[in-house]
C-alpha atoms as a PDB file:
ATOM      1  CA  MET A   1      -0.032  -0.011   0.004  1.00  0.00           C
ATOM      2  CA  PRO A   2       1.366   3.404  -1.014  1.00  0.00           C
ATOM      3  CA  LYS A   3       2.325   5.893   1.853  1.00  0.00           C
ATOM      4  CA  TYR A   4       0.687   9.288   1.432  1.00  0.00           C
ATOM      5  CA  THR A   5       2.054  12.349   3.402  1.00  0.00           C
ATOM      6  CA  TYR A   6       1.962  16.007   3.203  1.00  0.00           C
ATOM      7  CA  ARG A   7       4.119  18.912   4.150  1.00  0.00           C
ATOM      8  CA  VAL A   8       3.144  22.551   4.918  1.00  0.00           C
ATOM      9  CA  SER A   9       5.859  25.075   4.725  1.00  0.00           C
ATOM     10  CA  PRO A  10       5.841  28.894   5.185  1.00  0.00           C
ATOM     11  CA  ARG A  11       6.112  31.167   2.097  1.00  0.00           C
ATOM     12  CA  THR A  12       7.935  34.526   1.969  1.00  0.00           C
ATOM     13  CA  ALA A  13       5.981  37.712   1.967  1.00  0.00           C
ATOM     14  CA  GLU A  14       6.911  38.503  -1.604  1.00  0.00           C
ATOM     15  CA  PRO A  15       4.783  36.014  -3.340  1.00  0.00           C
ATOM     16  CA  GLY A  16       1.849  36.707  -0.906  1.00  0.00           C
ATOM     17  CA  GLY A  17       2.954  35.045   2.276  1.00  0.00           C
ATOM     18  CA  GLY A  18       1.110  32.155   3.865  1.00  0.00           C
ATOM     19  CA  TYR A  19       1.794  28.414   3.246  1.00  0.00           C
ATOM     20  CA  HIS A  20       2.712  26.006   0.631  1.00  0.00           C
ATOM     21  CA  LEU A  21       1.205  22.515   0.885  1.00  0.00           C
ATOM     22  CA  ARG A  22       2.831  19.729  -0.876  1.00  0.00           C
ATOM     23  CA  PHE A  23       1.363  16.180  -1.355  1.00  0.00           C
ATOM     24  CA  TYR A  24       3.558  12.991  -1.559  1.00  0.00           C
ATOM     25  CA  MET A  25       3.006   9.499  -2.379  1.00  0.00           C
ATOM     26  CA  ASP A  26       5.979   7.325  -1.265  1.00  0.00           C
ATOM     27  CA  GLY A  27       8.061  10.140  -0.979  1.00  0.00           C
ATOM     28  CA  GLU A  28       7.411  11.628  -4.353  1.00  0.00           C
ATOM     29  CA  GLU A  29       5.648  14.934  -4.839  1.00  0.00           C
ATOM     30  CA  MET A  30       2.292  14.424  -6.429  1.00  0.00           C
ATOM     31  CA  GLY A  31       0.850  18.050  -6.345  1.00  0.00           C
ATOM     32  CA  SER A  32       0.899  21.105  -4.348  1.00  0.00           C
ATOM     33  CA  GLY A  33      -1.237  24.058  -3.307  1.00  0.00           C
ATOM     34  CA  VAL A  34      -0.768  27.629  -2.033  1.00  0.00           C
ATOM     35  CA  TYR A  35      -2.478  29.367   0.817  1.00  0.00           C
ATOM     36  CA  PRO A  36      -1.680  32.971   0.683  1.00  0.00           C
ATOM     37  CA  ALA A  37      -1.978  35.319   3.643  1.00  0.00           C
ATOM     38  CA  ASP A  38      -1.286  38.869   2.330  1.00  0.00           C
ATOM     39  CA  PRO A  39      -2.820  41.578   4.540  1.00  0.00           C
ATOM     40  CA  ASP A  40      -2.229  44.075   1.687  1.00  0.00           C
ATOM     41  CA  ALA A  41      -4.239  42.181  -0.833  1.00  0.00           C
ATOM     42  CA  ALA A  42      -7.690  43.112   0.495  1.00  0.00           C
ATOM     43  CA  PRO A  43      -7.250  46.013   2.844  1.00  0.00           C
ATOM     44  CA  GLU A  44     -11.065  46.787   2.860  1.00  0.00           C
ATOM     45  CA  GLU A  45     -11.701  43.226   4.146  1.00  0.00           C
ATOM     46  CA  GLY A  46      -9.196  43.869   6.925  1.00  0.00           C
ATOM     47  CA  ILE A  47     -10.922  47.121   7.936  1.00  0.00           C
ATOM     48  CA  ASP A  48     -14.239  45.337   8.080  1.00  0.00           C
ATOM     49  CA  TRP A  49     -12.844  42.385  10.095  1.00  0.00           C
ATOM     50  CA  TRP A  50     -11.219  44.739  12.644  1.00  0.00           C
ATOM     51  CA  ASN A  51     -14.279  46.953  13.030  1.00  0.00           C
ATOM     52  CA  GLY A  52     -16.347  43.825  13.489  1.00  0.00           C
ATOM     53  CA  LEU A  53     -14.148  42.470  16.516  1.00  0.00           C
ATOM     54  CA  ALA A  54     -14.801  43.088  20.204  1.00  0.00           C
ATOM     55  CA  GLU A  55     -12.077  44.586  22.215  1.00  0.00           C
ATOM     56  CA  HIS A  56     -10.847  41.288  23.701  1.00  0.00           C
ATOM     57  CA  GLU A  57     -10.636  39.855  20.093  1.00  0.00           C
ATOM     58  CA  ARG A  58      -8.581  42.930  19.064  1.00  0.00           C
ATOM     59  CA  ALA A  59      -6.299  42.405  22.029  1.00  0.00           C
ATOM     60  CA  HIS A  60      -5.876  38.702  21.137  1.00  0.00           C
ATOM     61  CA  TRP A  61      -4.953  39.371  17.571  1.00  0.00           C
ATOM     62  CA  LEU A  62      -2.591  42.316  18.377  1.00  0.00           C
ATOM     63  CA  GLU A  63      -0.801  39.965  20.784  1.00  0.00           C
ATOM     64  CA  LYS A  64      -0.607  37.185  18.214  1.00  0.00           C
ATOM     65  CA  ALA A  65       1.002  39.756  15.790  1.00  0.00           C
ATOM     66  CA  LYS A  66       3.275  41.276  18.469  1.00  0.00           C
ATOM     67  CA  SER A  67       2.362  44.619  17.318  1.00  0.00           C
ATOM     68  CA  VAL A  68      -0.181  47.492  17.959  1.00  0.00           C
ATOM     69  CA  ARG A  69      -1.144  47.945  14.300  1.00  0.00           C
ATOM     70  CA  PRO A  70      -4.451  46.654  13.131  1.00  0.00           C
ATOM     71  CA  VAL A  71      -2.959  45.571   9.715  1.00  0.00           C
ATOM     72  CA  ASP A  72      -0.472  43.289  11.553  1.00  0.00           C
ATOM     73  CA  ALA A  73      -3.476  41.857  13.518  1.00  0.00           C
ATOM     74  CA  TRP A  74      -5.119  41.187  10.158  1.00  0.00           C
ATOM     75  CA  GLY A  75      -1.952  39.534   8.916  1.00  0.00           C
ATOM     76  CA  ALA A  76      -1.776  37.301  12.088  1.00  0.00           C
ATOM     77  CA  PHE A  77      -5.383  36.364  11.512  1.00  0.00           C
ATOM     78  CA  LEU A  78      -4.750  35.547   7.874  1.00  0.00           C
ATOM     79  CA  ARG A  79      -1.630  33.456   8.481  1.00  0.00           C
ATOM     80  CA  GLU A  80      -3.315  31.492  11.156  1.00  0.00           C
ATOM     81  CA  HIS A  81      -6.280  30.706   8.930  1.00  0.00           C
ATOM     82  CA  ALA A  82      -4.196  29.892   5.940  1.00  0.00           C
ATOM     83  CA  HIS A  83      -2.146  27.408   8.025  1.00  0.00           C
ATOM     84  CA  ALA A  84      -5.230  25.827   9.407  1.00  0.00           C
ATOM     85  CA  ASP A  85      -6.530  25.608   5.868  1.00  0.00           C
ATOM     86  CA  ALA A  86      -3.426  23.926   4.512  1.00  0.00           C
ATOM     87  CA  LEU A  87      -3.369  21.314   7.377  1.00  0.00           C
ATOM     88  CA  ALA A  88      -7.060  20.416   6.856  1.00  0.00           C
ATOM     89  CA  GLU A  89      -6.387  19.927   3.023  1.00  0.00           C
ATOM     90  CA  GLY A  90      -3.249  17.845   3.739  1.00  0.00           C
ATOM     91  CA  TRP A  91      -5.235  15.772   6.326  1.00  0.00           C
ATOM     92  CA  ALA A  92      -7.976  15.322   3.717  1.00  0.00           C
ATOM     93  CA  TRP A  93      -5.443  14.182   1.147  1.00  0.00           C
ATOM     94  CA  ILE A  94      -4.387  11.468   3.442  1.00  0.00           C
ATOM     95  CA  THR A  95      -7.808  10.346   4.721  1.00  0.00           C
ATOM     96  CA  ARG A  96      -9.258  10.144   1.112  1.00  0.00           C
ATOM     97  CA  ARG A  97      -6.685   7.619   0.257  1.00  0.00           C
ATOM     98  CA  GLY A  98      -7.276   5.478   3.432  1.00  0.00           C
ATOM     99  CA  SER A  99      -3.728   6.121   4.682  1.00  0.00           C
ATOM    100  CA  VAL A 100      -4.773   6.996   8.352  1.00  0.00           C
END
């Protein structure tokens, strides 16, 4: 039975940040996906997101970002969600193939 695995690795900010997901079968790359997390790509969404947060949620994301700037909190939110999405898709890759 083939062994299916995946790897999630961070991307630099230049191509949009976020994460790169690679799928493997028996160690050979079979495909990949990109999960960008660029806070500058949709600033209006970031403003709406920030304005919809309660104070404790703002404090949480500013702490995650290690910053006092809302744009950095938006970036931390995007990175966390991009990472979670990449992990979920990697897990789905394995489970669809019965390799759990």
